[in-house]
Amino acid sequence: MDRMNQAFEKVKMLVGMEVEDDEEQEAADNNSSFMDEFNRECTLTTKQSMLVFFNPVKFGITFTFGNLLSLGSTAFLIGPKRQVNMMLDPVRIYATALYLASIIIALFCALYVHSKLLTLLAIILEFGALVWYSLSYIPFARSMVSKVMLACLDTEF
């Protein structure tokens, strides 16, 4: 039984979980600061952090609804009319269309098709569209990212 506990502690260390004895835990609790305790409580387990690969349908639904909530929150802060006007601005109309289309595709793949692979691809598309849409609010950010990506992917020397 002792060998099994040692093996389990080694697995915990490999995964990144903290391994401490009861006495060490009490001493650490007494000496820890608020931020140490906060960081310990806010960590994800391995299963939680790998949710996107284990269950991409569930992750896709929550990620997409989170994106919809973020759009709703900005509409709440600046007003829905101004939000729509900013989204339909000629500078970002294509980024908006791509972002909204990716949201619809992700929800369709997760709720109707139930395909893990398609949902994972839709999540990746949605994340890329979210980044591109967000960059449209920063002056010259999309052109800078485009130039950097072209420079990184350029194979000529």
N, C-alpha and C. Protein backbone atom coordinates (compact mmCIF):
# COMPACT_ATOMS: atom_id res chain seq x y z
N MET A 1 0.82 -1.19 0.00
CA MET A 1 0.00 0.00 0.00
C MET A 1 0.87 1.26 0.00
N ASP A 2 2.01 1.17 0.73
CA ASP A 2 2.91 2.31 0.80
C ASP A 2 3.53 2.59 -0.57
N ARG A 3 3.85 1.54 -1.32
CA ARG A 3 4.43 1.73 -2.66
C ARG A 3 3.42 2.38 -3.60
N MET A 4 2.14 2.01 -3.42
CA MET A 4 1.11 2.59 -4.26
C MET A 4 0.93 4.08 -3.95
N ASN A 5 1.00 4.46 -2.69
CA ASN A 5 0.91 5.87 -2.31
C ASN A 5 2.10 6.66 -2.86
N GLN A 6 3.30 6.06 -2.81
CA GLN A 6 4.47 6.73 -3.36
C GLN A 6 4.33 6.92 -4.86
N ALA A 7 3.83 5.90 -5.55
CA ALA A 7 3.64 6.01 -7.00
C ALA A 7 2.60 7.08 -7.31
N PHE A 8 1.55 7.12 -6.51
CA PHE A 8 0.51 8.13 -6.72
C PHE A 8 1.06 9.53 -6.50
N GLU A 9 1.94 9.71 -5.49
CA GLU A 9 2.56 11.00 -5.25
C GLU A 9 3.48 11.40 -6.40
N LYS A 10 4.19 10.43 -6.99
CA LYS A 10 5.05 10.72 -8.14
C LYS A 10 4.21 11.16 -9.34
N VAL A 11 3.07 10.50 -9.54
CA VAL A 11 2.17 10.90 -10.63
C VAL A 11 1.65 12.30 -10.39
N LYS A 12 1.32 12.61 -9.14
CA LYS A 12 0.86 13.96 -8.81
C LYS A 12 1.92 14.99 -9.13
N MET A 13 3.19 14.67 -8.81
CA MET A 13 4.27 15.61 -9.09
C MET A 13 4.45 15.79 -10.58
N LEU A 14 4.34 14.71 -11.35
CA LEU A 14 4.49 14.82 -12.81
C LEU A 14 3.39 15.65 -13.43
N VAL A 15 2.19 15.55 -12.90
CA VAL A 15 1.06 16.29 -13.44
C VAL A 15 1.09 17.74 -13.00
N GLY A 16 1.78 18.02 -11.91
CA GLY A 16 1.88 19.40 -11.44
C GLY A 16 1.08 19.68 -10.20
N MET A 17 0.51 18.65 -9.61
CA MET A 17 -0.23 18.83 -8.37
C MET A 17 0.75 18.87 -7.21
N GLU A 18 0.35 19.57 -6.16
CA GLU A 18 1.22 19.68 -5.01
C GLU A 18 1.13 18.43 -4.16
N VAL A 19 2.28 17.95 -3.71
CA VAL A 19 2.34 16.78 -2.85
C VAL A 19 2.96 17.22 -1.54
N GLU A 20 2.17 17.14 -0.46
CA GLU A 20 2.67 17.55 0.84
C GLU A 20 2.13 16.60 1.90
N ASP A 21 2.90 16.43 2.97
CA ASP A 21 2.42 15.67 4.12
C ASP A 21 1.44 16.52 4.90
N ASP A 22 0.74 15.89 5.86
CA ASP A 22 -0.21 16.62 6.68
C ASP A 22 0.48 17.70 7.51
N GLU A 23 1.65 17.39 8.07
CA GLU A 23 2.38 18.37 8.88
C GLU A 23 2.85 19.52 8.01
N GLU A 24 3.38 19.20 6.82
CA GLU A 24 3.83 20.24 5.91
C GLU A 24 2.67 21.09 5.44
N GLN A 25 1.50 20.49 5.25
CA GLN A 25 0.31 21.22 4.81
C GLN A 25 -0.11 22.23 5.88
N GLU A 26 -0.08 21.81 7.16
CA GLU A 26 -0.44 22.73 8.23
C GLU A 26 0.54 23.88 8.32
N ALA A 27 1.84 23.59 8.19
CA ALA A 27 2.85 24.66 8.24
C ALA A 27 2.70 25.60 7.05
N ALA A 28 2.41 25.04 5.89
CA ALA A 28 2.23 25.88 4.70
C ALA A 28 0.98 26.74 4.83
N ASP A 29 -0.09 26.19 5.42
CA ASP A 29 -1.31 26.96 5.62
C ASP A 29 -1.08 28.12 6.56
N ASN A 30 -0.28 27.90 7.58
CA ASN A 30 -0.01 28.97 8.54
C ASN A 30 0.87 30.06 7.93
N ASN A 31 1.79 29.69 7.06
CA ASN A 31 2.74 30.64 6.51
C ASN A 31 2.33 31.22 5.16
N SER A 32 1.28 30.70 4.56
CA SER A 32 0.94 31.15 3.21
C SER A 32 0.25 32.50 3.24
N SER A 33 0.49 33.24 2.20
CA SER A 33 -0.15 34.53 2.07
C SER A 33 -1.47 34.37 1.34
N PHE A 34 -2.18 35.44 1.22
CA PHE A 34 -3.49 35.42 0.56
C PHE A 34 -3.35 35.01 -0.90
N MET A 35 -2.35 35.54 -1.60
CA MET A 35 -2.18 35.22 -3.02
C MET A 35 -1.80 33.76 -3.24
N ASP A 36 -1.00 33.20 -2.36
CA ASP A 36 -0.67 31.78 -2.48
C ASP A 36 -1.91 30.92 -2.35
N GLU A 37 -2.73 31.26 -1.38
CA GLU A 37 -3.97 30.51 -1.19
C GLU A 37 -4.92 30.72 -2.37
N PHE A 38 -4.98 31.93 -2.86
CA PHE A 38 -5.84 32.23 -4.01
C PHE A 38 -5.39 31.45 -5.24
N ASN A 39 -4.09 31.42 -5.51
CA ASN A 39 -3.56 30.68 -6.65
C ASN A 39 -3.81 29.18 -6.52
N ARG A 40 -3.70 28.66 -5.30
CA ARG A 40 -3.97 27.25 -5.08
C ARG A 40 -5.42 26.90 -5.35
N GLU A 41 -6.32 27.77 -4.97
CA GLU A 41 -7.75 27.51 -5.15
C GLU A 41 -8.21 27.71 -6.59
N CYS A 42 -7.49 28.49 -7.36
CA CYS A 42 -7.92 28.81 -8.72
C CYS A 42 -7.25 27.96 -9.80
N THR A 43 -6.60 26.91 -9.42
CA THR A 43 -5.97 26.05 -10.42
C THR A 43 -6.97 25.03 -10.93
N LEU A 44 -6.79 24.64 -12.17
CA LEU A 44 -7.63 23.62 -12.77
C LEU A 44 -7.00 22.25 -12.60
N THR A 45 -7.83 21.25 -12.48
CA THR A 45 -7.31 19.90 -12.49
C THR A 45 -6.95 19.55 -13.92
N THR A 46 -6.22 18.47 -14.09
CA THR A 46 -5.84 18.05 -15.44
C THR A 46 -7.07 17.74 -16.27
N LYS A 47 -8.04 17.11 -15.66
CA LYS A 47 -9.27 16.78 -16.38
C LYS A 47 -10.01 18.04 -16.80
N GLN A 48 -10.06 19.04 -15.93
CA GLN A 48 -10.74 20.28 -16.27
C GLN A 48 -10.01 21.02 -17.38
N SER A 49 -8.69 21.05 -17.34
CA SER A 49 -7.95 21.78 -18.36
C SER A 49 -7.97 21.08 -19.70
N MET A 50 -8.20 19.79 -19.72
CA MET A 50 -8.26 19.04 -20.97
C MET A 50 -9.69 18.82 -21.45
N LEU A 51 -10.64 19.58 -20.90
CA LEU A 51 -12.05 19.43 -21.26
C LEU A 51 -12.27 19.62 -22.75
N VAL A 52 -11.50 20.50 -23.36
CA VAL A 52 -11.68 20.77 -24.79
C VAL A 52 -11.39 19.52 -25.62
N PHE A 53 -10.48 18.67 -25.18
CA PHE A 53 -10.16 17.47 -25.94
C PHE A 53 -11.02 16.27 -25.54
N PHE A 54 -11.39 16.19 -24.26
CA PHE A 54 -12.22 15.08 -23.81
C PHE A 54 -13.68 15.24 -24.23
N ASN A 55 -14.19 16.46 -24.15
CA ASN A 55 -15.57 16.72 -24.48
C ASN A 55 -15.68 18.06 -25.22
N PRO A 56 -15.29 18.10 -26.49
CA PRO A 56 -15.30 19.37 -27.21
C PRO A 56 -16.70 19.93 -27.44
N VAL A 57 -17.72 19.07 -27.45
CA VAL A 57 -19.08 19.55 -27.65
C VAL A 57 -19.50 20.42 -26.47
N LYS A 58 -19.25 19.93 -25.26
CA LYS A 58 -19.59 20.70 -24.06
C LYS A 58 -18.77 21.99 -23.99
N PHE A 59 -17.48 21.90 -24.29
CA PHE A 59 -16.64 23.08 -24.28
C PHE A 59 -17.08 24.07 -25.35
N GLY A 60 -17.43 23.57 -26.53
CA GLY A 60 -17.87 24.45 -27.62
C GLY A 60 -19.12 25.23 -27.26
N ILE A 61 -20.05 24.57 -26.60
CA ILE A 61 -21.28 25.25 -26.19
C ILE A 61 -20.97 26.34 -25.16
N THR A 62 -20.18 26.00 -24.15
CA THR A 62 -19.88 27.00 -23.11
C THR A 62 -19.01 28.13 -23.64
N PHE A 63 -18.05 27.82 -24.50
CA PHE A 63 -17.20 28.86 -25.08
C PHE A 63 -18.01 29.80 -25.96
N THR A 64 -18.91 29.24 -26.76
CA THR A 64 -19.73 30.06 -27.65
C THR A 64 -20.70 30.92 -26.87
N PHE A 65 -21.35 30.35 -25.86
CA PHE A 65 -22.25 31.17 -25.05
C PHE A 65 -21.48 32.23 -24.26
N GLY A 66 -20.25 31.94 -23.88
CA GLY A 66 -19.41 32.95 -23.25
C GLY A 66 -19.10 34.10 -24.20
N ASN A 67 -18.85 33.78 -25.47
CA ASN A 67 -18.63 34.83 -26.46
C ASN A 67 -19.89 35.67 -26.67
N LEU A 68 -21.05 35.01 -26.70
CA LEU A 68 -22.30 35.75 -26.83
C LEU A 68 -22.54 36.66 -25.62
N LEU A 69 -22.19 36.17 -24.44
CA LEU A 69 -22.33 36.99 -23.24
C LEU A 69 -21.37 38.18 -23.27
N SER A 70 -20.18 37.99 -23.81
CA SER A 70 -19.24 39.12 -23.90
C SER A 70 -19.74 40.17 -24.88
N LEU A 71 -20.34 39.73 -25.98
CA LEU A 71 -20.95 40.70 -26.90
C LEU A 71 -22.10 41.44 -26.23
N GLY A 72 -22.90 40.70 -25.48
CA GLY A 72 -24.01 41.32 -24.76
C GLY A 72 -23.54 42.28 -23.68
N SER A 73 -22.43 41.96 -23.03
CA SER A 73 -21.94 42.85 -21.98
C SER A 73 -21.39 44.15 -22.56
N THR A 74 -20.72 44.07 -23.71
CA THR A 74 -20.27 45.32 -24.32
C THR A 74 -21.45 46.13 -24.84
N ALA A 75 -22.49 45.46 -25.30
CA ALA A 75 -23.71 46.17 -25.72
C ALA A 75 -24.36 46.83 -24.51
N PHE A 76 -24.30 46.18 -23.37
CA PHE A 76 -24.85 46.77 -22.15
C PHE A 76 -24.05 48.00 -21.73
N LEU A 77 -22.73 47.95 -21.87
CA LEU A 77 -21.88 49.05 -21.43
C LEU A 77 -21.98 50.27 -22.35
N ILE A 78 -21.98 50.05 -23.65
CA ILE A 78 -21.98 51.19 -24.57
C ILE A 78 -23.32 51.41 -25.25
N GLY A 79 -24.25 50.52 -25.03
CA GLY A 79 -25.57 50.64 -25.64
C GLY A 79 -25.66 49.77 -26.89
N PRO A 80 -26.82 49.13 -27.08
CA PRO A 80 -26.94 48.21 -28.21
C PRO A 80 -26.85 48.90 -29.57
N LYS A 81 -27.39 50.11 -29.68
CA LYS A 81 -27.35 50.81 -30.97
C LYS A 81 -25.91 51.14 -31.36
N ARG A 82 -25.14 51.64 -30.40
CA ARG A 82 -23.74 51.97 -30.68
C ARG A 82 -22.93 50.71 -30.96
N GLN A 83 -23.24 49.62 -30.24
CA GLN A 83 -22.55 48.34 -30.47
C GLN A 83 -22.77 47.87 -31.90
N VAL A 84 -24.03 47.89 -32.34
CA VAL A 84 -24.34 47.45 -33.71
C VAL A 84 -23.68 48.37 -34.73
N ASN A 85 -23.71 49.68 -34.47
CA ASN A 85 -23.05 50.62 -35.40
C ASN A 85 -21.55 50.37 -35.49
N MET A 86 -20.93 50.06 -34.35
CA MET A 86 -19.50 49.78 -34.36
C MET A 86 -19.20 48.45 -35.06
N MET A 87 -20.07 47.47 -34.86
CA MET A 87 -19.86 46.17 -35.49
C MET A 87 -20.05 46.25 -37.00
N LEU A 88 -20.94 47.13 -37.46
CA LEU A 88 -21.21 47.27 -38.89
C LEU A 88 -20.38 48.37 -39.54
N ASP A 89 -19.41 48.90 -38.82
CA ASP A 89 -18.50 49.89 -39.38
C ASP A 89 -17.74 49.26 -40.56
N PRO A 90 -17.57 49.98 -41.66
CA PRO A 90 -16.90 49.39 -42.84
C PRO A 90 -15.51 48.82 -42.55
N VAL A 91 -14.85 49.30 -41.52
CA VAL A 91 -13.51 48.80 -41.20
C VAL A 91 -13.59 47.37 -40.67
N ARG A 92 -14.67 47.04 -39.94
CA ARG A 92 -14.73 45.73 -39.31
C ARG A 92 -15.93 44.91 -39.72
N ILE A 93 -16.60 45.24 -40.82
CA ILE A 93 -17.78 44.49 -41.23
C ILE A 93 -17.44 43.03 -41.57
N TYR A 94 -16.30 42.81 -42.23
CA TYR A 94 -15.93 41.44 -42.59
C TYR A 94 -15.52 40.65 -41.35
N ALA A 95 -14.81 41.28 -40.43
CA ALA A 95 -14.43 40.61 -39.18
C ALA A 95 -15.68 40.26 -38.36
N THR A 96 -16.65 41.16 -38.35
CA THR A 96 -17.90 40.90 -37.64
C THR A 96 -18.66 39.74 -38.27
N ALA A 97 -18.75 39.75 -39.60
CA ALA A 97 -19.47 38.68 -40.29
C ALA A 97 -18.79 37.33 -40.05
N LEU A 98 -17.47 37.31 -40.11
CA LEU A 98 -16.73 36.07 -39.86
C LEU A 98 -16.94 35.60 -38.42
N TYR A 99 -16.91 36.52 -37.47
CA TYR A 99 -17.08 36.17 -36.06
C TYR A 99 -18.48 35.63 -35.80
N LEU A 100 -19.50 36.31 -36.29
CA LEU A 100 -20.87 35.85 -36.08
C LEU A 100 -21.13 34.52 -36.80
N ALA A 101 -20.57 34.36 -37.99
CA ALA A 101 -20.72 33.10 -38.72
C ALA A 101 -20.03 31.96 -37.98
N SER A 102 -18.87 32.23 -37.39
CA SER A 102 -18.17 31.18 -36.64
C SER A 102 -18.94 30.79 -35.39
N ILE A 103 -19.61 31.74 -34.76
CA ILE A 103 -20.45 31.43 -33.60
C ILE A 103 -21.59 30.51 -34.02
N ILE A 104 -22.23 30.82 -35.12
CA ILE A 104 -23.34 30.00 -35.61
C ILE A 104 -22.85 28.61 -36.00
N ILE A 105 -21.71 28.53 -36.67
CA ILE A 105 -21.15 27.24 -37.07
C ILE A 105 -20.80 26.39 -35.84
N ALA A 106 -20.21 27.01 -34.83
CA ALA A 106 -19.84 26.28 -33.62
C ALA A 106 -21.07 25.75 -32.90
N LEU A 107 -22.09 26.57 -32.78
CA LEU A 107 -23.33 26.11 -32.14
C LEU A 107 -24.00 25.01 -32.97
N PHE A 108 -23.98 25.15 -34.28
CA PHE A 108 -24.58 24.14 -35.15
C PHE A 108 -23.85 22.80 -35.00
N CYS A 109 -22.52 22.84 -35.00
CA CYS A 109 -21.74 21.60 -34.87
C CYS A 109 -21.92 20.97 -33.50
N ALA A 110 -22.02 21.79 -32.47
CA ALA A 110 -22.13 21.25 -31.11
C ALA A 110 -23.54 20.76 -30.80
N LEU A 111 -24.55 21.52 -31.19
CA LEU A 111 -25.92 21.18 -30.79
C LEU A 111 -26.65 20.28 -31.78
N TYR A 112 -26.34 20.38 -33.05
CA TYR A 112 -27.09 19.63 -34.04
C TYR A 112 -26.31 18.43 -34.59
N VAL A 113 -25.09 18.65 -34.99
CA VAL A 113 -24.29 17.60 -35.62
C VAL A 113 -23.72 16.63 -34.58
N HIS A 114 -23.32 17.12 -33.41
CA HIS A 114 -22.73 16.33 -32.33
C HIS A 114 -21.45 15.61 -32.76
N SER A 115 -20.70 16.22 -33.64
CA SER A 115 -19.43 15.66 -34.08
C SER A 115 -18.31 16.32 -33.29
N LYS A 116 -17.50 15.52 -32.60
CA LYS A 116 -16.43 16.07 -31.79
C LYS A 116 -15.37 16.76 -32.65
N LEU A 117 -15.02 16.13 -33.78
CA LEU A 117 -14.00 16.71 -34.64
C LEU A 117 -14.47 18.02 -35.27
N LEU A 118 -15.69 18.05 -35.79
CA LEU A 118 -16.22 19.27 -36.38
C LEU A 118 -16.37 20.38 -35.34
N THR A 119 -16.78 20.00 -34.14
CA THR A 119 -16.92 20.99 -33.08
C THR A 119 -15.56 21.55 -32.70
N LEU A 120 -14.55 20.71 -32.62
CA LEU A 120 -13.20 21.18 -32.30
C LEU A 120 -12.68 22.13 -33.38
N LEU A 121 -12.92 21.79 -34.64
CA LEU A 121 -12.51 22.69 -35.73
C LEU A 121 -13.30 24.00 -35.68
N ALA A 122 -14.59 23.92 -35.34
CA ALA A 122 -15.41 25.13 -35.24
C ALA A 122 -14.94 26.01 -34.08
N ILE A 123 -14.49 25.39 -32.99
CA ILE A 123 -13.95 26.17 -31.86
C ILE A 123 -12.68 26.90 -32.28
N ILE A 124 -11.82 26.21 -33.01
CA ILE A 124 -10.59 26.84 -33.48
C ILE A 124 -10.91 28.00 -34.42
N LEU A 125 -11.88 27.79 -35.33
CA LEU A 125 -12.31 28.87 -36.23
C LEU A 125 -12.89 30.03 -35.44
N GLU A 126 -13.70 29.72 -34.43
CA GLU A 126 -14.31 30.78 -33.63
C GLU A 126 -13.27 31.56 -32.85
N PHE A 127 -12.27 30.87 -32.32
CA PHE A 127 -11.22 31.57 -31.59
C PHE A 127 -10.43 32.50 -32.51
N GLY A 128 -10.09 31.99 -33.70
CA GLY A 128 -9.39 32.84 -34.67
C GLY A 128 -10.22 34.04 -35.08
N ALA A 129 -11.52 33.83 -35.30
CA ALA A 129 -12.40 34.94 -35.67
C ALA A 129 -12.53 35.93 -34.52
N LEU A 130 -12.55 35.43 -33.29
CA LEU A 130 -12.61 36.32 -32.13
C LEU A 130 -11.37 37.19 -32.04
N VAL A 131 -10.21 36.60 -32.27
CA VAL A 131 -8.96 37.37 -32.24
C VAL A 131 -8.97 38.42 -33.35
N TRP A 132 -9.37 38.03 -34.55
CA TRP A 132 -9.38 38.95 -35.68
C TRP A 132 -10.38 40.08 -35.45
N TYR A 133 -11.55 39.74 -34.89
CA TYR A 133 -12.57 40.75 -34.57
C TYR A 133 -12.05 41.70 -33.49
N SER A 134 -11.40 41.17 -32.48
CA SER A 134 -10.87 42.01 -31.41
C SER A 134 -9.77 42.93 -31.92
N LEU A 135 -8.94 42.42 -32.83
CA LEU A 135 -7.88 43.25 -33.40
C LEU A 135 -8.43 44.39 -34.24
N SER A 136 -9.66 44.25 -34.73
CA SER A 136 -10.23 45.32 -35.56
C SER A 136 -10.52 46.58 -34.76
N TYR A 137 -10.54 46.50 -33.45
CA TYR A 137 -10.77 47.67 -32.61
C TYR A 137 -9.47 48.39 -32.27
N ILE A 138 -8.34 47.81 -32.57
CA ILE A 138 -7.05 48.43 -32.30
C ILE A 138 -6.50 48.96 -33.62
N PRO A 139 -6.21 50.26 -33.69
CA PRO A 139 -5.73 50.82 -34.96
C PRO A 139 -4.46 50.12 -35.46
N PHE A 140 -4.46 49.72 -36.70
CA PHE A 140 -3.35 49.10 -37.42
C PHE A 140 -2.94 47.73 -36.85
N ALA A 141 -3.71 47.16 -35.95
CA ALA A 141 -3.33 45.88 -35.34
C ALA A 141 -3.44 44.74 -36.34
N ARG A 142 -4.51 44.73 -37.14
CA ARG A 142 -4.66 43.63 -38.09
C ARG A 142 -3.59 43.67 -39.17
N SER A 143 -3.23 44.85 -39.63
CA SER A 143 -2.18 44.93 -40.66
C SER A 143 -0.83 44.52 -40.08
N MET A 144 -0.58 44.89 -38.82
CA MET A 144 0.68 44.49 -38.18
C MET A 144 0.74 42.98 -38.00
N VAL A 145 -0.34 42.37 -37.53
CA VAL A 145 -0.36 40.92 -37.33
C VAL A 145 -0.22 40.21 -38.67
N SER A 146 -0.86 40.74 -39.70
CA SER A 146 -0.74 40.14 -41.04
C SER A 146 0.70 40.18 -41.53
N LYS A 147 1.36 41.31 -41.35
CA LYS A 147 2.75 41.44 -41.79
C LYS A 147 3.68 40.52 -40.99
N VAL A 148 3.44 40.40 -39.70
CA VAL A 148 4.26 39.53 -38.87
C VAL A 148 4.06 38.07 -39.28
N MET A 149 2.81 37.68 -39.51
CA MET A 149 2.53 36.30 -39.92
C MET A 149 3.15 36.00 -41.28
N LEU A 150 3.06 36.94 -42.21
CA LEU A 150 3.69 36.74 -43.52
C LEU A 150 5.19 36.64 -43.40
N ALA A 151 5.77 37.44 -42.53
CA ALA A 151 7.22 37.38 -42.33
C ALA A 151 7.63 36.05 -41.70
N CYS A 152 6.82 35.55 -40.78
CA CYS A 152 7.15 34.28 -40.12
C CYS A 152 6.96 33.10 -41.06
N LEU A 153 5.99 33.19 -41.94
CA LEU A 153 5.69 32.07 -42.83
C LEU A 153 6.43 32.15 -44.16
N ASP A 154 7.15 33.24 -44.38
CA ASP A 154 7.89 33.41 -45.62
C ASP A 154 9.07 32.44 -45.63
N THR A 155 9.17 31.66 -46.70
CA THR A 155 10.24 30.64 -46.75
C THR A 155 11.43 31.10 -47.56
N GLU A 156 11.34 32.24 -48.20
CA GLU A 156 12.49 32.74 -48.97
C GLU A 156 13.52 33.32 -48.02
N PHE A 157 14.79 33.10 -48.33
CA PHE A 157 15.84 33.64 -47.49
C PHE A 157 16.54 34.76 -48.17
